[in-house]
Amino acid sequence: MDNQSYKKGLLTKAHAEFFYDNEQGILVSAYSAPNEFIKISNRKGELKLYIPKSNTVTYTQDYTLSTENELIYYFANNRQQDLGLEKEGFTMMDTRLDGEYLIFVWEAPETMKTVKKVEVVYENENPIYAAYFDIDEIIVKKIYYYDYFKTTYFQMPTKLTEISYTPERDSIVQRTIFSNIKVSSSPSSPYFNFKIPDNAKVNPSKL
């Protein structure tokens, strides 16, 4: 995975390799840039962050960190029909066709003050675009999904572009590329069974 983020004229880059065990619901993310660290998360929202250089580990737990909230989970399990919006409390309020495109409109829960609705556009059952609207029905975020990777079991976008608009009339642009995707019932990478060293020092602060 390669990610580029543009914010206020500054470009930051990140590179990582993801190892996802769909059956166990465990995701190991091995980052090599801009800093080296390994993140291990599961469907319960338990997260471990290990930094090899200092041999330190940080633990935290929050359901928002669950692997079932990760993009890879929705596509690997063919649950891209709502992209997790229903779990967040959104309710479908409208569907319509625009040529070959199917559009789902989701209404935000009353507790959500910054977003009023989300429109998701589908082509051939796969999402290609999502727009988030604020209470004034102004678009505050756009997400583009494209260049789908296809297997017998699932399809997943290999490229995403997310544009978030700030109150200062600026924007934050993130581009993510997934490459060298492999699917196996018996993977060989040691990261699938990665264990944090027993002598790792525990960081008392949470993430």
Foldseek 3Di string as FASTA:
>chain_A
DKKWKADPNDIAIWDWDWDADLVFQWIWIATPPPATWIWIAGQQQWIWIAHVVQLEIEIDGDNCNHSCLDQCNCFLQVNQPPSCQVVQPWDWDDWDDDDQKIKTKTAHDPVDQFFGIKIFIDHPSHTAKMFTAGPVRDTFKMKGFDDWDDDPRGIGGQKMWMWGADPVRDIMIMIGGHDPDDDDPDDDDCSVVDDRDPPRHYDPDHD
